[in-house]
Amino acid sequence: MGGMMGMKAMYELESDLVKDFQAVISGVPDTFTIIAMASEFNYVEGKVDLIAKDSNGDLVAFEAKLFRWRNALNQAYRNSSFAHYSYVVLPETTLENAVSHIGEFHRRGVGLCFFGLSGLRVEIPATRRDPIQPWLTNI
């Protein structure tokens, strides 16, 4: 995937990872078909780094972390209360550590994406679920 200007091999700030991911995600039509996005979305249980609506009207939540994949997994699982799909986004430099715990992502139905100089890679697709708090899906 070319044209990844501004992307870094190693991120110092989570906000930089989210910004670069947001700039690229809608340009990957085979992976995500995004029609609208918002970042730092606040809700009662916390804050989502990025929320998107896809062409089917489903909400997709993305939780980004630089290192703490387990915290991201817990937050992403919580996000599934209102989103149809929920993903953890990690820099590609953390690949080995997270992949060694891949079963935890499968058990919770949370997807796993790696992002960096080589582009976006979906390691585990998220499982579609009906949100238990569907109020946001009607917006």
N, C-alpha and C. Protein backbone atom coordinates (compact mmCIF):
# COMPACT_ATOMS: atom_id res chain seq x y z
N MET A 1 0.85 -1.16 0.00
CA MET A 1 0.00 0.00 0.00
C MET A 1 0.90 1.23 0.00
N GLY A 2 0.87 2.02 -1.04
CA GLY A 2 1.73 3.18 -1.14
C GLY A 2 1.06 4.44 -0.61
N GLY A 3 1.83 5.53 -0.60
CA GLY A 3 1.28 6.81 -0.22
C GLY A 3 1.00 6.97 1.26
N MET A 4 1.75 6.35 2.10
CA MET A 4 1.51 6.40 3.54
C MET A 4 2.35 7.50 4.18
N MET A 5 2.26 8.69 3.66
CA MET A 5 3.06 9.79 4.18
C MET A 5 2.65 10.09 5.62
N GLY A 6 3.62 10.38 6.45
CA GLY A 6 3.36 10.72 7.83
C GLY A 6 3.32 9.53 8.76
N MET A 7 3.23 8.33 8.22
CA MET A 7 3.19 7.15 9.07
C MET A 7 4.57 6.89 9.65
N LYS A 8 4.57 6.33 10.86
CA LYS A 8 5.83 6.09 11.56
C LYS A 8 5.97 4.61 11.87
N ALA A 9 7.20 4.15 11.93
CA ALA A 9 7.44 2.76 12.33
C ALA A 9 7.10 2.58 13.81
N MET A 10 7.37 3.60 14.62
CA MET A 10 7.09 3.53 16.05
C MET A 10 6.40 4.82 16.45
N TYR A 11 5.29 4.71 17.12
CA TYR A 11 4.54 5.88 17.55
C TYR A 11 4.89 6.23 18.99
N GLU A 12 5.00 7.53 19.26
CA GLU A 12 5.22 7.99 20.63
C GLU A 12 3.90 8.31 21.30
N LEU A 13 2.92 8.76 20.51
CA LEU A 13 1.62 9.13 21.05
C LEU A 13 0.52 8.29 20.42
N GLU A 14 -0.40 7.85 21.25
CA GLU A 14 -1.55 7.09 20.76
C GLU A 14 -2.36 7.93 19.77
N SER A 15 -2.47 9.22 20.02
CA SER A 15 -3.24 10.09 19.14
C SER A 15 -2.66 10.12 17.72
N ASP A 16 -1.34 9.98 17.59
CA ASP A 16 -0.73 9.93 16.25
C ASP A 16 -1.10 8.63 15.53
N LEU A 17 -1.12 7.53 16.27
CA LEU A 17 -1.55 6.25 15.69
C LEU A 17 -2.99 6.36 15.20
N VAL A 18 -3.87 6.92 16.02
CA VAL A 18 -5.28 7.07 15.65
C VAL A 18 -5.43 7.96 14.43
N LYS A 19 -4.70 9.07 14.41
CA LYS A 19 -4.78 10.01 13.29
C LYS A 19 -4.36 9.35 11.98
N ASP A 20 -3.25 8.64 11.99
CA ASP A 20 -2.79 7.95 10.78
C ASP A 20 -3.75 6.84 10.36
N PHE A 21 -4.24 6.08 11.34
CA PHE A 21 -5.20 5.01 11.05
C PHE A 21 -6.46 5.58 10.43
N GLN A 22 -6.97 6.67 10.98
CA GLN A 22 -8.18 7.31 10.47
C GLN A 22 -7.98 7.81 9.04
N ALA A 23 -6.80 8.31 8.73
CA ALA A 23 -6.52 8.81 7.39
C ALA A 23 -6.51 7.70 6.35
N VAL A 24 -6.20 6.49 6.76
CA VAL A 24 -6.04 5.38 5.82
C VAL A 24 -7.27 4.48 5.75
N ILE A 25 -8.02 4.37 6.83
CA ILE A 25 -9.06 3.34 6.93
C ILE A 25 -10.12 3.41 5.84
N SER A 26 -10.57 4.58 5.49
CA SER A 26 -11.63 4.64 4.47
C SER A 26 -11.10 4.39 3.07
N GLY A 27 -9.79 4.35 2.92
CA GLY A 27 -9.20 4.06 1.62
C GLY A 27 -8.88 2.59 1.43
N VAL A 28 -9.42 1.73 2.30
CA VAL A 28 -9.18 0.28 2.22
C VAL A 28 -10.53 -0.40 2.02
N PRO A 29 -11.12 -0.26 0.82
CA PRO A 29 -12.49 -0.72 0.60
C PRO A 29 -12.70 -2.21 0.77
N ASP A 30 -11.69 -3.02 0.56
CA ASP A 30 -11.86 -4.46 0.73
C ASP A 30 -11.94 -4.85 2.20
N THR A 31 -11.51 -3.97 3.08
CA THR A 31 -11.49 -4.26 4.50
C THR A 31 -12.66 -3.60 5.22
N PHE A 32 -12.79 -2.29 5.07
CA PHE A 32 -13.86 -1.53 5.70
C PHE A 32 -14.46 -0.58 4.67
N THR A 33 -15.78 -0.52 4.61
CA THR A 33 -16.45 0.45 3.76
C THR A 33 -17.09 1.48 4.68
N ILE A 34 -16.35 2.53 4.96
CA ILE A 34 -16.74 3.54 5.94
C ILE A 34 -17.44 4.70 5.25
N ILE A 35 -18.59 5.12 5.81
CA ILE A 35 -19.29 6.27 5.23
C ILE A 35 -19.27 7.48 6.17
N ALA A 36 -18.95 7.28 7.46
CA ALA A 36 -18.86 8.39 8.41
C ALA A 36 -17.97 7.97 9.57
N MET A 37 -17.25 8.95 10.16
CA MET A 37 -16.35 8.66 11.28
C MET A 37 -16.38 9.78 12.29
N ALA A 38 -16.07 9.44 13.54
CA ALA A 38 -15.86 10.42 14.60
C ALA A 38 -14.77 9.88 15.51
N SER A 39 -13.91 10.76 15.99
CA SER A 39 -12.85 10.30 16.90
C SER A 39 -13.12 10.80 18.31
N GLU A 40 -12.51 10.12 19.29
CA GLU A 40 -12.65 10.44 20.70
C GLU A 40 -14.13 10.57 21.08
N PHE A 41 -14.91 9.57 20.71
CA PHE A 41 -16.34 9.54 20.99
C PHE A 41 -16.58 9.14 22.44
N ASN A 42 -17.23 10.02 23.21
CA ASN A 42 -17.51 9.76 24.62
C ASN A 42 -18.87 9.10 24.80
N TYR A 43 -18.93 8.13 25.70
CA TYR A 43 -20.20 7.54 26.10
C TYR A 43 -20.10 7.20 27.58
N VAL A 44 -21.18 6.73 28.18
CA VAL A 44 -21.24 6.56 29.63
C VAL A 44 -20.11 5.70 30.19
N GLU A 45 -19.77 4.61 29.52
CA GLU A 45 -18.75 3.70 30.03
C GLU A 45 -17.32 4.11 29.68
N GLY A 46 -17.14 5.14 28.88
CA GLY A 46 -15.78 5.53 28.53
C GLY A 46 -15.70 6.35 27.26
N LYS A 47 -14.59 6.19 26.56
CA LYS A 47 -14.33 6.95 25.34
C LYS A 47 -13.75 6.00 24.30
N VAL A 48 -14.28 6.08 23.08
CA VAL A 48 -13.81 5.25 21.97
C VAL A 48 -12.87 6.10 21.13
N ASP A 49 -11.74 5.53 20.72
CA ASP A 49 -10.79 6.29 19.91
C ASP A 49 -11.38 6.67 18.56
N LEU A 50 -12.09 5.75 17.94
CA LEU A 50 -12.67 6.02 16.62
C LEU A 50 -13.93 5.19 16.46
N ILE A 51 -15.00 5.84 16.03
CA ILE A 51 -16.25 5.14 15.73
C ILE A 51 -16.60 5.44 14.29
N ALA A 52 -17.06 4.43 13.57
CA ALA A 52 -17.37 4.60 12.16
C ALA A 52 -18.68 3.91 11.85
N LYS A 53 -19.35 4.40 10.82
CA LYS A 53 -20.56 3.76 10.32
C LYS A 53 -20.23 3.22 8.95
N ASP A 54 -20.54 1.95 8.72
CA ASP A 54 -20.23 1.36 7.42
C ASP A 54 -21.41 1.48 6.47
N SER A 55 -21.24 1.00 5.26
CA SER A 55 -22.26 1.15 4.22
C SER A 55 -23.53 0.35 4.52
N ASN A 56 -23.47 -0.59 5.46
CA ASN A 56 -24.65 -1.35 5.87
C ASN A 56 -25.37 -0.69 7.04
N GLY A 57 -24.84 0.43 7.52
CA GLY A 57 -25.42 1.11 8.67
C GLY A 57 -24.93 0.55 10.00
N ASP A 58 -23.98 -0.37 9.97
CA ASP A 58 -23.43 -0.94 11.20
C ASP A 58 -22.37 -0.02 11.77
N LEU A 59 -22.29 0.02 13.10
CA LEU A 59 -21.27 0.81 13.77
C LEU A 59 -20.05 -0.06 14.04
N VAL A 60 -18.88 0.52 13.78
CA VAL A 60 -17.61 -0.16 13.98
C VAL A 60 -16.78 0.70 14.93
N ALA A 61 -16.39 0.13 16.07
CA ALA A 61 -15.59 0.85 17.06
C ALA A 61 -14.14 0.38 16.98
N PHE A 62 -13.22 1.32 17.10
CA PHE A 62 -11.79 1.03 17.05
C PHE A 62 -11.13 1.57 18.31
N GLU A 63 -10.44 0.72 19.02
CA GLU A 63 -9.72 1.10 20.23
C GLU A 63 -8.23 0.93 19.97
N ALA A 64 -7.49 2.02 20.01
CA ALA A 64 -6.06 2.00 19.70
C ALA A 64 -5.23 2.10 20.98
N LYS A 65 -4.16 1.35 21.00
CA LYS A 65 -3.18 1.42 22.08
C LYS A 65 -1.80 1.22 21.48
N LEU A 66 -0.81 1.83 22.11
CA LEU A 66 0.57 1.67 21.64
C LEU A 66 1.17 0.36 22.13
N PHE A 67 0.89 -0.02 23.37
CA PHE A 67 1.51 -1.21 23.96
C PHE A 67 0.52 -2.12 24.68
N ARG A 68 -0.40 -1.55 25.40
CA ARG A 68 -1.25 -2.30 26.33
C ARG A 68 -2.43 -2.97 25.61
N TRP A 69 -2.12 -4.04 24.88
CA TRP A 69 -3.14 -4.72 24.09
C TRP A 69 -4.26 -5.26 24.96
N ARG A 70 -3.95 -5.70 26.18
CA ARG A 70 -4.99 -6.27 27.06
C ARG A 70 -5.99 -5.19 27.49
N ASN A 71 -5.50 -4.00 27.82
CA ASN A 71 -6.41 -2.88 28.13
C ASN A 71 -7.28 -2.55 26.93
N ALA A 72 -6.67 -2.53 25.75
CA ALA A 72 -7.42 -2.25 24.53
C ALA A 72 -8.49 -3.31 24.29
N LEU A 73 -8.15 -4.57 24.53
CA LEU A 73 -9.12 -5.65 24.36
C LEU A 73 -10.30 -5.48 25.30
N ASN A 74 -10.04 -5.15 26.56
CA ASN A 74 -11.13 -4.93 27.52
C ASN A 74 -12.02 -3.77 27.09
N GLN A 75 -11.40 -2.68 26.65
CA GLN A 75 -12.17 -1.53 26.20
C GLN A 75 -12.96 -1.86 24.93
N ALA A 76 -12.34 -2.55 24.00
CA ALA A 76 -13.01 -2.91 22.76
C ALA A 76 -14.20 -3.82 23.03
N TYR A 77 -14.05 -4.74 23.96
CA TYR A 77 -15.16 -5.62 24.32
C TYR A 77 -16.31 -4.81 24.91
N ARG A 78 -15.99 -3.84 25.75
CA ARG A 78 -17.01 -2.95 26.32
C ARG A 78 -17.70 -2.15 25.22
N ASN A 79 -16.95 -1.75 24.19
CA ASN A 79 -17.54 -0.99 23.08
C ASN A 79 -18.58 -1.79 22.31
N SER A 80 -18.50 -3.11 22.40
CA SER A 80 -19.47 -3.94 21.68
C SER A 80 -20.87 -3.81 22.28
N SER A 81 -21.01 -3.09 23.39
CA SER A 81 -22.34 -2.85 23.94
C SER A 81 -23.16 -1.93 23.04
N PHE A 82 -22.50 -1.10 22.23
CA PHE A 82 -23.23 -0.21 21.33
C PHE A 82 -22.82 -0.36 19.86
N ALA A 83 -21.73 -1.06 19.59
CA ALA A 83 -21.24 -1.19 18.21
C ALA A 83 -21.45 -2.62 17.71
N HIS A 84 -21.71 -2.74 16.42
CA HIS A 84 -21.88 -4.06 15.81
C HIS A 84 -20.55 -4.82 15.70
N TYR A 85 -19.49 -4.07 15.48
CA TYR A 85 -18.14 -4.64 15.36
C TYR A 85 -17.21 -3.82 16.24
N SER A 86 -16.26 -4.48 16.87
CA SER A 86 -15.29 -3.76 17.68
C SER A 86 -13.89 -4.31 17.42
N TYR A 87 -12.94 -3.40 17.23
CA TYR A 87 -11.56 -3.76 16.88
C TYR A 87 -10.57 -3.12 17.83
N VAL A 88 -9.46 -3.81 18.03
CA VAL A 88 -8.27 -3.26 18.67
C VAL A 88 -7.31 -2.91 17.54
N VAL A 89 -6.73 -1.71 17.61
CA VAL A 89 -5.73 -1.27 16.63
C VAL A 89 -4.41 -1.09 17.37
N LEU A 90 -3.39 -1.81 16.90
CA LEU A 90 -2.06 -1.74 17.51
C LEU A 90 -1.02 -1.43 16.44
N PRO A 91 0.08 -0.78 16.83
CA PRO A 91 1.17 -0.60 15.87
C PRO A 91 1.75 -1.97 15.50
N GLU A 92 2.22 -2.07 14.28
CA GLU A 92 2.75 -3.37 13.82
C GLU A 92 3.94 -3.84 14.66
N THR A 93 4.58 -2.93 15.38
CA THR A 93 5.72 -3.30 16.23
C THR A 93 5.30 -4.15 17.43
N THR A 94 4.01 -4.21 17.75
CA THR A 94 3.53 -4.99 18.90
C THR A 94 2.91 -6.31 18.46
N LEU A 95 3.05 -6.66 17.21
CA LEU A 95 2.41 -7.83 16.62
C LEU A 95 2.64 -9.11 17.41
N GLU A 96 3.87 -9.44 17.70
CA GLU A 96 4.18 -10.73 18.34
C GLU A 96 3.47 -10.92 19.66
N ASN A 97 3.51 -9.92 20.50
CA ASN A 97 2.92 -10.05 21.83
C ASN A 97 1.41 -10.27 21.76
N ALA A 98 0.71 -9.49 20.95
CA ALA A 98 -0.74 -9.63 20.85
C ALA A 98 -1.14 -10.93 20.18
N VAL A 99 -0.45 -11.32 19.13
CA VAL A 99 -0.80 -12.54 18.40
C VAL A 99 -0.63 -13.78 19.27
N SER A 100 0.29 -13.73 20.22
CA SER A 100 0.47 -14.88 21.10
C SER A 100 -0.72 -15.09 22.03
N HIS A 101 -1.63 -14.12 22.08
CA HIS A 101 -2.85 -14.21 22.90
C HIS A 101 -4.10 -14.13 22.02
N ILE A 102 -4.00 -14.61 20.83
CA ILE A 102 -5.07 -14.47 19.83
C ILE A 102 -6.39 -15.10 20.28
N GLY A 103 -6.31 -16.14 21.09
CA GLY A 103 -7.52 -16.80 21.58
C GLY A 103 -8.42 -15.88 22.38
N GLU A 104 -7.84 -14.93 23.09
CA GLU A 104 -8.63 -13.99 23.88
C GLU A 104 -9.47 -13.08 22.98
N PHE A 105 -8.94 -12.72 21.83
CA PHE A 105 -9.69 -11.90 20.88
C PHE A 105 -10.85 -12.71 20.29
N HIS A 106 -10.57 -13.95 19.91
CA HIS A 106 -11.62 -14.82 19.36
C HIS A 106 -12.74 -15.06 20.37
N ARG A 107 -12.40 -15.32 21.62
CA ARG A 107 -13.41 -15.58 22.66
C ARG A 107 -14.36 -14.41 22.83
N ARG A 108 -13.86 -13.20 22.69
CA ARG A 108 -14.71 -12.01 22.90
C ARG A 108 -15.30 -11.47 21.60
N GLY A 109 -14.91 -12.03 20.47
CA GLY A 109 -15.44 -11.56 19.19
C GLY A 109 -14.88 -10.22 18.76
N VAL A 110 -13.75 -9.83 19.35
CA VAL A 110 -13.12 -8.54 19.05
C VAL A 110 -12.09 -8.74 17.96
N GLY A 111 -12.11 -7.86 16.96
CA GLY A 111 -11.14 -7.93 15.88
C GLY A 111 -9.80 -7.33 16.28
N LEU A 112 -8.78 -7.68 15.52
CA LEU A 112 -7.43 -7.19 15.80
C LEU A 112 -6.80 -6.68 14.51
N CYS A 113 -6.38 -5.41 14.52
CA CYS A 113 -5.72 -4.79 13.38
C CYS A 113 -4.31 -4.35 13.78
N PHE A 114 -3.39 -4.51 12.85
CA PHE A 114 -2.05 -3.96 13.01
C PHE A 114 -1.87 -2.89 11.95
N PHE A 115 -1.17 -1.83 12.35
CA PHE A 115 -1.05 -0.68 11.47
C PHE A 115 0.34 -0.08 11.60
N GLY A 116 0.92 0.30 10.46
CA GLY A 116 2.24 0.93 10.46
C GLY A 116 2.75 1.13 9.06
N LEU A 117 4.05 1.09 8.91
CA LEU A 117 4.68 1.37 7.62
C LEU A 117 4.21 0.43 6.52
N SER A 118 3.90 -0.81 6.86
CA SER A 118 3.45 -1.75 5.83
C SER A 118 1.95 -1.63 5.56
N GLY A 119 1.28 -0.68 6.20
CA GLY A 119 -0.14 -0.45 5.95
C GLY A 119 -1.02 -1.04 7.03
N LEU A 120 -2.24 -1.35 6.66
CA LEU A 120 -3.24 -1.89 7.57
C LEU A 120 -3.40 -3.38 7.33
N ARG A 121 -3.36 -4.14 8.40
CA ARG A 121 -3.58 -5.58 8.29
C ARG A 121 -4.58 -6.01 9.34
N VAL A 122 -5.67 -6.63 8.90
CA VAL A 122 -6.64 -7.18 9.83
C VAL A 122 -6.23 -8.61 10.13
N GLU A 123 -5.73 -8.82 11.32
CA GLU A 123 -5.28 -10.15 11.75
C GLU A 123 -6.48 -11.03 12.08
N ILE A 124 -7.46 -10.45 12.77
CA ILE A 124 -8.68 -11.16 13.15
C ILE A 124 -9.87 -10.28 12.81
N PRO A 125 -10.78 -10.73 11.96
CA PRO A 125 -12.00 -9.95 11.72
C PRO A 125 -12.90 -10.02 12.96
N ALA A 126 -13.55 -8.91 13.29
CA ALA A 126 -14.47 -8.89 14.42
C ALA A 126 -15.73 -9.68 14.08
N THR A 127 -16.34 -10.23 15.10
CA THR A 127 -17.62 -10.92 14.95
C THR A 127 -18.74 -9.89 15.03
N ARG A 128 -19.69 -9.95 14.09
CA ARG A 128 -20.81 -9.02 14.14
C ARG A 128 -21.76 -9.43 15.25
N ARG A 129 -22.15 -8.44 16.05
CA ARG A 129 -23.09 -8.66 17.15
C ARG A 129 -24.12 -7.54 17.16
N ASP A 130 -25.32 -7.88 17.58
CA ASP A 130 -26.32 -6.84 17.79
C ASP A 130 -26.00 -6.16 19.12
N PRO A 131 -25.88 -4.83 19.10
CA PRO A 131 -25.54 -4.11 20.34
C PRO A 131 -26.64 -4.28 21.39
N ILE A 132 -26.24 -4.37 22.66
CA ILE A 132 -27.24 -4.45 23.73
C ILE A 132 -27.78 -3.06 24.06
N GLN A 133 -27.09 -2.03 23.61
CA GLN A 133 -27.54 -0.64 23.75
C GLN A 133 -27.57 -0.03 22.34
N PRO A 134 -28.61 -0.32 21.56
CA PRO A 134 -28.61 0.07 20.15
C PRO A 134 -28.97 1.53 19.86
N TRP A 135 -29.07 2.38 20.87
CA TRP A 135 -29.50 3.75 20.68
C TRP A 135 -28.66 4.50 19.65
N LEU A 136 -27.38 4.23 19.58
CA LEU A 136 -26.49 4.95 18.68
C LEU A 136 -26.68 4.55 17.22
N THR A 137 -27.17 3.35 16.99
CA THR A 137 -27.31 2.86 15.62
C THR A 137 -28.38 3.60 14.85
N ASN A 138 -29.26 4.30 15.54
CA ASN A 138 -30.35 5.02 14.88
C ASN A 138 -30.03 6.47 14.58
N ILE A 139 -28.82 6.89 14.87
CA ILE A 139 -28.43 8.29 14.64
C ILE A 139 -28.02 8.48 13.20
